[in-house]
Protein backbone atom coordinates (compact mmCIF):
# COMPACT_ATOMS: atom_id res chain seq x y z
CA MET A 1 19.64 9.23 -14.46
CA LYS A 2 16.99 8.17 -11.92
CA HIS A 3 17.48 4.51 -12.82
CA LEU A 4 21.26 4.83 -12.48
CA LEU A 5 21.02 6.44 -9.05
CA LEU A 6 18.63 3.83 -7.60
CA PRO A 7 21.15 0.95 -7.35
CA LEU A 8 23.71 3.33 -5.85
CA LEU A 9 21.24 4.49 -3.22
CA ILE A 10 20.44 0.86 -2.37
CA ILE A 11 24.13 0.06 -1.95
CA ILE A 12 24.68 3.10 0.29
CA SER A 13 21.60 2.30 2.36
CA THR A 14 22.63 -1.34 2.76
CA ALA A 15 26.12 -0.38 3.85
CA ALA A 16 24.78 2.11 6.37
CA ASN A 17 22.47 -0.49 7.90
CA ALA A 18 25.08 -3.27 7.96
CA GLN A 19 26.02 -4.55 11.39
CA VAL A 20 29.33 -2.99 12.41
CA PRO A 21 31.40 -5.33 14.60
CA LYS A 22 31.61 -4.02 18.17
CA LYS A 23 34.71 -6.00 19.08
CA ASP A 24 37.97 -7.39 17.81
CA SER A 25 38.60 -11.10 18.27
CA ILE A 26 42.17 -12.34 18.50
CA ASP A 27 43.25 -15.96 18.80
CA CYS A 28 46.23 -16.10 21.12
CA SER A 29 48.76 -18.47 22.62
CA ILE A 30 49.49 -18.07 26.33
CA PRO A 31 52.80 -19.59 27.49
CA ILE A 32 52.66 -21.91 30.49
CA GLN A 33 55.34 -23.96 32.21
CA ASP A 34 54.91 -27.06 30.04
CA GLY A 35 53.56 -25.62 26.79
CA ALA A 36 50.92 -23.09 25.79
CA LEU A 37 47.20 -22.48 26.18
CA ALA A 38 45.03 -21.57 23.19
CA GLY A 39 42.76 -18.66 23.94
CA THR A 40 40.56 -15.94 22.48
CA LEU A 41 40.75 -12.28 23.45
CA PHE A 42 37.71 -10.09 22.80
CA THR A 43 38.39 -6.34 22.93
CA PRO A 44 35.58 -3.79 22.49
CA ARG A 45 36.14 -1.26 19.74
CA GLY A 46 36.36 2.41 20.60
CA VAL A 47 37.14 1.77 24.29
CA THR A 48 40.44 2.99 25.68
CA LYS A 49 41.97 0.78 28.38
CA PRO A 50 38.90 -1.40 28.93
CA PRO A 51 38.52 -3.65 31.96
CA VAL A 52 39.13 -7.30 31.14
CA VAL A 53 37.59 -10.48 32.54
CA LEU A 54 39.49 -13.76 32.59
CA ILE A 55 36.79 -16.39 32.07
CA ILE A 56 37.64 -19.82 33.52
CA ALA A 57 35.63 -22.81 32.30
CA GLY A 58 34.06 -25.44 34.53
CA SER A 59 34.94 -29.06 35.27
CA GLY A 60 35.81 -31.84 32.88
CA PRO A 61 36.67 -31.48 29.19
CA THR A 62 35.04 -28.05 28.84
CA ASP A 63 36.53 -25.67 26.29
CA ARG A 64 36.79 -21.89 26.13
CA ASP A 65 33.26 -21.58 24.70
CA GLY A 66 31.67 -23.56 27.54
CA ASN A 67 31.19 -26.77 25.55
CA SER A 68 32.07 -30.24 26.81
CA THR A 69 33.04 -33.28 24.76
CA LEU A 70 30.95 -35.35 27.19
CA ILE A 71 27.76 -33.65 25.98
CA LYS A 72 26.42 -33.97 22.44
CA GLY A 73 26.01 -30.55 20.87
CA LYS A 74 27.05 -27.12 22.09
CA ASN A 75 25.64 -24.44 24.35
CA ASN A 76 28.31 -21.73 23.73
CA SER A 77 27.58 -20.22 27.14
CA LEU A 78 31.04 -18.74 27.75
CA LEU A 79 31.31 -17.50 24.16
CA GLN A 80 27.96 -15.76 24.56
CA LEU A 81 29.06 -14.25 27.86
CA ALA A 82 32.25 -12.86 26.32
CA ASP A 83 30.32 -11.48 23.35
CA SER A 84 27.75 -9.82 25.62
CA LEU A 85 30.42 -8.20 27.80
CA ALA A 86 32.11 -6.73 24.73
CA ASN A 87 28.84 -4.96 23.88
CA TYR A 88 29.23 -3.11 27.19
CA GLY A 89 32.86 -2.14 26.63
CA ILE A 90 34.37 -5.00 28.66
CA ALA A 91 37.19 -7.12 27.24
CA SER A 92 37.58 -10.81 28.01
CA LEU A 93 40.06 -13.64 27.69
CA ARG A 94 38.87 -17.23 27.70
CA TYR A 95 40.99 -20.28 27.02
CA ASP A 96 40.95 -24.01 26.47
CA LYS A 97 42.18 -25.72 29.61
CA LYS A 98 45.31 -27.81 29.40
CA GLY A 99 44.61 -30.98 27.44
CA ILE A 100 41.29 -29.61 26.12
CA GLY A 101 40.50 -28.28 22.65
CA LYS A 102 43.55 -26.67 21.08
CA SER A 103 45.53 -26.55 24.35
CA GLN A 104 47.19 -29.90 23.81
CA VAL A 105 50.36 -30.42 25.85
CA LYS A 106 52.79 -33.13 24.82
CA GLY A 107 53.21 -35.90 27.38
CA LEU A 108 50.28 -34.79 29.55
CA LYS A 109 49.06 -37.66 31.73
CA GLU A 110 46.09 -37.69 34.07
CA GLU A 111 48.08 -39.23 36.94
CA ASN A 112 50.46 -36.25 36.88
CA MET A 113 47.74 -33.59 37.05
CA ARG A 114 47.03 -31.60 40.22
CA PHE A 115 44.35 -29.04 41.02
CA GLU A 116 46.99 -26.36 41.46
CA ASP A 117 47.96 -26.75 37.80
CA GLY A 118 44.71 -25.08 36.76
CA ALA A 119 45.31 -22.17 39.14
CA ASN A 120 48.86 -21.76 37.80
CA ASP A 121 47.51 -21.69 34.25
CA ALA A 122 45.01 -18.98 35.25
CA LEU A 123 47.88 -16.97 36.76
CA ALA A 124 49.80 -17.34 33.48
CA CYS A 125 46.79 -15.86 31.68
CA ILE A 126 46.66 -12.93 34.11
CA ASN A 127 50.37 -12.26 33.61
CA TRP A 128 49.83 -12.40 29.84
CA LEU A 129 47.03 -9.82 30.12
CA ARG A 130 49.28 -7.53 32.15
CA GLU A 131 51.99 -7.83 29.51
CA LYS A 132 49.39 -6.75 26.94
CA GLY A 133 48.76 -3.59 28.95
CA PHE A 134 45.54 -4.45 30.78
CA LYS A 135 45.33 -2.90 34.24
CA LYS A 136 41.78 -3.60 35.45
CA ILE A 137 41.68 -7.38 35.58
CA TYR A 138 38.81 -9.50 36.90
CA ILE A 139 38.35 -13.27 37.20
CA ALA A 140 35.03 -14.94 36.41
CA GLY A 141 35.15 -18.64 37.22
CA HIS A 142 32.32 -20.97 36.24
CA SER A 143 31.46 -23.99 38.40
CA GLU A 144 34.79 -25.73 39.21
CA GLY A 145 36.43 -22.75 37.49
CA SER A 146 35.22 -20.64 40.41
CA LEU A 147 37.42 -22.64 42.81
CA VAL A 148 40.31 -22.56 40.32
CA GLY A 149 39.94 -18.79 40.16
CA LEU A 150 39.78 -18.48 43.94
CA VAL A 151 43.06 -20.37 44.33
CA ALA A 152 44.69 -18.19 41.66
CA ALA A 153 43.27 -15.00 43.16
CA GLN A 154 45.15 -15.60 46.42
CA GLN A 155 48.40 -15.10 44.53
CA THR A 156 47.77 -11.96 42.49
CA LYS A 157 46.15 -8.53 42.64
CA LEU A 158 42.73 -8.22 41.02
CA LYS A 159 40.06 -5.56 40.59
CA GLY A 160 37.40 -8.13 41.44
CA PHE A 161 36.34 -11.76 41.53
CA ILE A 162 33.13 -13.25 40.11
CA SER A 163 31.80 -16.68 41.06
CA LEU A 164 29.46 -18.13 38.43
CA ALA A 165 27.60 -21.13 39.87
CA GLY A 166 30.52 -21.96 42.13
CA ALA A 167 30.23 -24.48 44.94
CA GLY A 168 30.19 -23.04 48.46
CA ARG A 169 31.52 -26.19 50.12
CA PRO A 170 34.59 -28.40 49.77
CA ILE A 171 34.09 -30.75 46.85
CA ASP A 172 33.89 -33.88 49.02
CA GLN A 173 30.68 -32.53 50.57
CA VAL A 174 29.22 -31.89 47.12
CA LEU A 175 30.21 -35.38 45.95
CA ARG A 176 28.73 -36.99 49.07
CA GLU A 177 25.44 -35.20 48.47
CA GLN A 178 25.34 -36.31 44.83
CA ILE A 179 26.22 -39.89 45.76
CA ASN A 180 23.71 -40.12 48.61
CA ASN A 181 20.91 -38.60 46.51
CA GLY A 182 21.70 -40.74 43.48
CA GLY A 183 20.60 -44.24 42.57
CA GLY A 184 22.28 -47.52 43.38
CA PRO A 185 22.51 -49.74 46.44
CA ASP A 186 23.27 -48.27 49.85
CA SER A 187 26.35 -50.49 50.17
CA ILE A 188 27.94 -48.77 47.14
CA LYS A 189 27.05 -45.33 48.50
CA GLN A 190 28.68 -46.20 51.82
CA LEU A 191 31.77 -47.46 50.03
CA ALA A 192 31.99 -44.24 47.98
CA ASN A 193 31.89 -42.22 51.19
CA ARG A 194 34.68 -44.35 52.66
CA TYR A 195 36.72 -43.75 49.49
CA LEU A 196 36.28 -40.00 49.97
CA ASP A 197 37.43 -40.32 53.58
CA THR A 198 40.54 -42.14 52.35
CA LEU A 199 41.34 -39.44 49.78
CA LEU A 200 40.72 -36.70 52.33
CA ALA A 201 43.38 -38.34 54.49
CA GLY A 202 45.78 -38.07 51.55
CA GLN A 203 45.79 -41.81 50.91
CA ARG A 204 45.06 -43.67 47.68
CA ILE A 205 42.67 -46.51 46.89
CA ALA A 206 44.58 -49.39 45.30
CA LYS A 207 41.69 -51.29 43.72
CA PRO A 208 38.44 -49.30 43.58
CA ASN A 209 35.19 -51.20 43.17
CA PRO A 210 34.35 -51.54 39.43
CA LEU A 211 31.02 -49.77 40.02
CA LEU A 212 32.92 -46.71 41.29
CA PHE A 213 35.94 -46.96 39.02
CA SER A 214 35.01 -44.03 36.77
CA ILE A 215 34.96 -41.67 39.78
CA PHE A 216 37.83 -43.16 41.79
CA ARG A 217 40.11 -44.61 39.10
CA PRO A 218 43.75 -44.66 40.30
CA SER A 219 44.93 -42.18 37.67
CA VAL A 220 42.57 -39.43 38.87
CA GLN A 221 43.12 -39.94 42.61
CA PRO A 222 46.18 -37.62 42.92
CA TYR A 223 44.12 -34.82 41.34
CA MET A 224 41.21 -35.48 43.68
CA ILE A 225 43.46 -35.51 46.75
CA SER A 226 44.80 -32.07 45.76
CA TRP A 227 41.26 -30.83 44.98
CA LEU A 228 39.68 -31.97 48.23
CA ARG A 229 41.92 -29.84 50.41
CA TYR A 230 40.38 -26.54 49.25
CA ASP A 231 37.44 -24.82 50.95
CA PRO A 232 35.89 -22.17 48.65
CA GLY A 233 34.37 -20.28 51.57
CA LYS A 234 37.71 -19.82 53.30
CA LEU A 235 39.38 -18.82 50.04
CA LEU A 236 36.68 -16.25 49.28
CA GLN A 237 36.91 -14.89 52.81
CA ALA A 238 40.65 -14.35 52.34
CA LEU A 239 40.23 -12.30 49.15
CA ARG A 240 41.14 -8.64 49.41
CA CYS A 241 39.25 -7.58 46.28
CA PRO A 242 35.50 -7.05 45.80
CA ALA A 243 33.52 -10.20 45.01
CA LEU A 244 30.31 -11.01 43.16
CA VAL A 245 28.45 -14.30 43.62
CA LEU A 246 25.95 -15.24 40.89
CA GLN A 247 23.71 -18.28 40.99
CA GLY A 248 20.68 -19.37 38.99
CA ASN A 249 17.69 -20.85 40.78
CA LYS A 250 17.14 -23.39 37.97
CA ASP A 251 20.64 -24.83 38.32
CA ILE A 252 20.45 -28.62 38.68
CA GLN A 253 24.19 -29.01 39.40
CA VAL A 254 24.95 -26.33 41.99
CA GLN A 255 22.41 -25.23 44.58
CA VAL A 256 21.37 -21.75 45.68
CA ALA A 257 22.46 -22.91 49.15
CA ASP A 258 26.05 -22.95 47.88
CA ALA A 259 25.82 -19.30 46.85
CA LEU A 260 24.40 -18.44 50.27
CA LEU A 261 27.36 -20.18 51.92
CA LEU A 262 29.79 -18.14 49.83
CA GLN A 263 28.05 -14.89 50.73
CA LYS A 264 28.04 -15.91 54.40
CA ALA A 265 31.80 -16.53 54.23
CA LYS A 266 32.33 -13.04 52.81
CA PRO A 267 29.41 -10.76 53.80
CA SER A 268 30.82 -7.91 51.72
CA ALA A 269 30.37 -9.99 48.56
CA HIS A 270 27.35 -9.06 46.48
CA LEU A 271 25.00 -12.01 45.96
CA ALA A 272 22.47 -12.25 43.15
CA VAL A 273 20.20 -15.27 42.71
CA LEU A 274 19.00 -15.09 39.13
CA GLU A 275 15.46 -16.11 38.33
CA ASN A 276 15.07 -19.08 35.96
CA MET A 277 18.79 -19.29 35.07
CA ASN A 278 20.36 -22.75 34.90
CA HIS A 279 23.96 -23.99 35.17
CA VAL A 280 24.91 -22.94 31.63
CA PHE A 281 23.31 -19.49 32.04
CA LYS A 282 20.21 -20.28 29.95
CA LEU A 283 16.67 -19.25 30.95
CA ILE A 284 14.50 -22.24 31.84
CA THR A 285 10.82 -21.69 32.63
CA SER A 286 9.90 -25.39 32.50
CA THR A 287 9.98 -27.53 35.62
CA ASN A 288 10.86 -30.62 33.55
CA PRO A 289 14.52 -31.59 34.17
CA ALA A 290 14.72 -32.91 30.59
CA ASP A 291 14.11 -29.38 29.25
CA ASN A 292 16.85 -28.06 31.52
CA ILE A 293 19.34 -30.65 30.26
CA LYS A 294 18.30 -30.05 26.64
CA SER A 295 19.56 -26.45 26.92
CA TYR A 296 23.10 -27.77 27.44
CA SER A 297 23.11 -28.65 23.73
CA ASP A 298 21.29 -25.65 22.26
CA PRO A 299 23.56 -22.81 21.08
CA ALA A 300 20.55 -20.91 19.74
CA LEU A 301 19.37 -20.19 23.29
CA PRO A 302 20.82 -16.87 24.52
CA ILE A 303 22.23 -16.53 28.00
CA ALA A 304 20.26 -14.69 30.67
CA THR A 305 20.47 -10.91 30.30
CA SER A 306 20.27 -10.63 34.10
CA LEU A 307 23.63 -12.43 34.35
CA VAL A 308 25.30 -9.94 32.00
CA GLN A 309 23.69 -6.98 33.74
CA GLU A 310 24.91 -8.07 37.18
CA ILE A 311 28.48 -8.44 35.89
CA VAL A 312 28.36 -5.07 34.13
CA LYS A 313 27.05 -3.36 37.29
CA PHE A 314 29.84 -4.97 39.29
CA ILE A 315 32.58 -3.84 36.89
CA GLN A 316 31.02 -0.53 35.81
CA PRO A 317 28.79 0.56 38.72
CA ASN A 318 28.14 4.00 37.24
CA ARG A 319 26.98 2.71 33.86
CA THR A 320 23.31 3.04 32.90
CA LEU A 321 21.90 -0.25 31.64
């Protein structure tokens, strides 16, 4: 009898120690004006009416998990963020931007895209969440997604807004800084600045210099003209909901100075500069830029716990961490 009971006890013990999922994951389709966005909704188990965070990805071909087709490998930063929030009873919706991942829209052309399209898509996601019964809705926008979220937030009621490595200046100022600090001849840098002046005036550049074509190609100029008109500081200042500004001090794309500008624009916003966190939320102790960039392609690296804790404190201020 002893020998018969032993395998049964092992099975029971194994089942008891098995990892019980703490969330439900649902792939969803969010209707938008010209198609649908593919998204993933994480809902924590055992939590009635949880708060929910709409996570907006950053610039370029970045998908719902925080991965870009321009970078070899994955970092899964936004997936890790959503997973971590679920462990604290916070739901999240993240989505592939229009034309990215599984959010393919028939007939989509770059020359027809405008910055406001991204904000309208974020609003569609918020409306979808409300239809699903969520009441306590937050936006967390990463990098360019912070500005997208700020534009969307002007047009809806939110419980709070979270800027994750968002620029604190209009994008032309950021681009000028990158151009002036980058390599290449001064004549090309001066020309790039004149191109930005032209776009700021709402005018297009007919034949951009081949050395600057990738940045100022004619098909992307309408998008840039619409993008350049927004000032994140003024948009944040106009928000009527609480705001949280998070910035890593190992970020090589967005500076701590940008976070300080955002907090200056809205003094009531809570600012947290996170030690050793880079642009994709990973902890970097090395001072070698190559190690920082390497983390953009390493999904095994977890995101900074300080980031998650700051968001949890913002959404659930009475929770013990």
